[in-house]
């Protein structure tokens, strides 16, 4: 495990942030994270992010939940405890639809919450960027860029100079993190 430097920079506009991301990625820094007060398509595009996997996770969770609910109802009503009520068949599909649908929706919603927490990395309780002065402005009107994976202190100084040239209003060295 090697410790690597982490640098963060504050930008006043989303356009400057997106151009800074493009430039640092062009120079070979792939460990880039952006913090913005709202979703910005240009920033996501500059980071090279593809479409989210959350819809797929929600679909799979919903189908698994609906399938499990249907299988449970079928096994109870047709296999383990068949009961002849009003001469209906043991496997009556339409009786199983409401619970199957409701469990599918509930499972998809639970999958969406888990996808939000997992894909958004919201399970971290502390982050080095919280120590940066004025980082709380990232939820209001400022745009922050975090660059990790910088090997040496000299390289960290070079990256800080690059960020200042790209229009960063503040550059903060966050120290080292294990990688």
Foldseek 3Di string as FASTA:
>chain_A
DAKWWKKKFKFQDPVLVLVLLLVVVVVPFLQKDKQAQDDDPSNCVSNVHDDACLVVQLQVQLVVQLVVQLVVQLCCQPPVPPDQDPNDHSCDPVVSPPRSNVRSNVRSVVSNVVSCCVVVVVVDPDDLCVPDPPPVCRNPRMMMMMTIDHHDPVSVVVSQVSSVVSHTPDMDISGIDDD
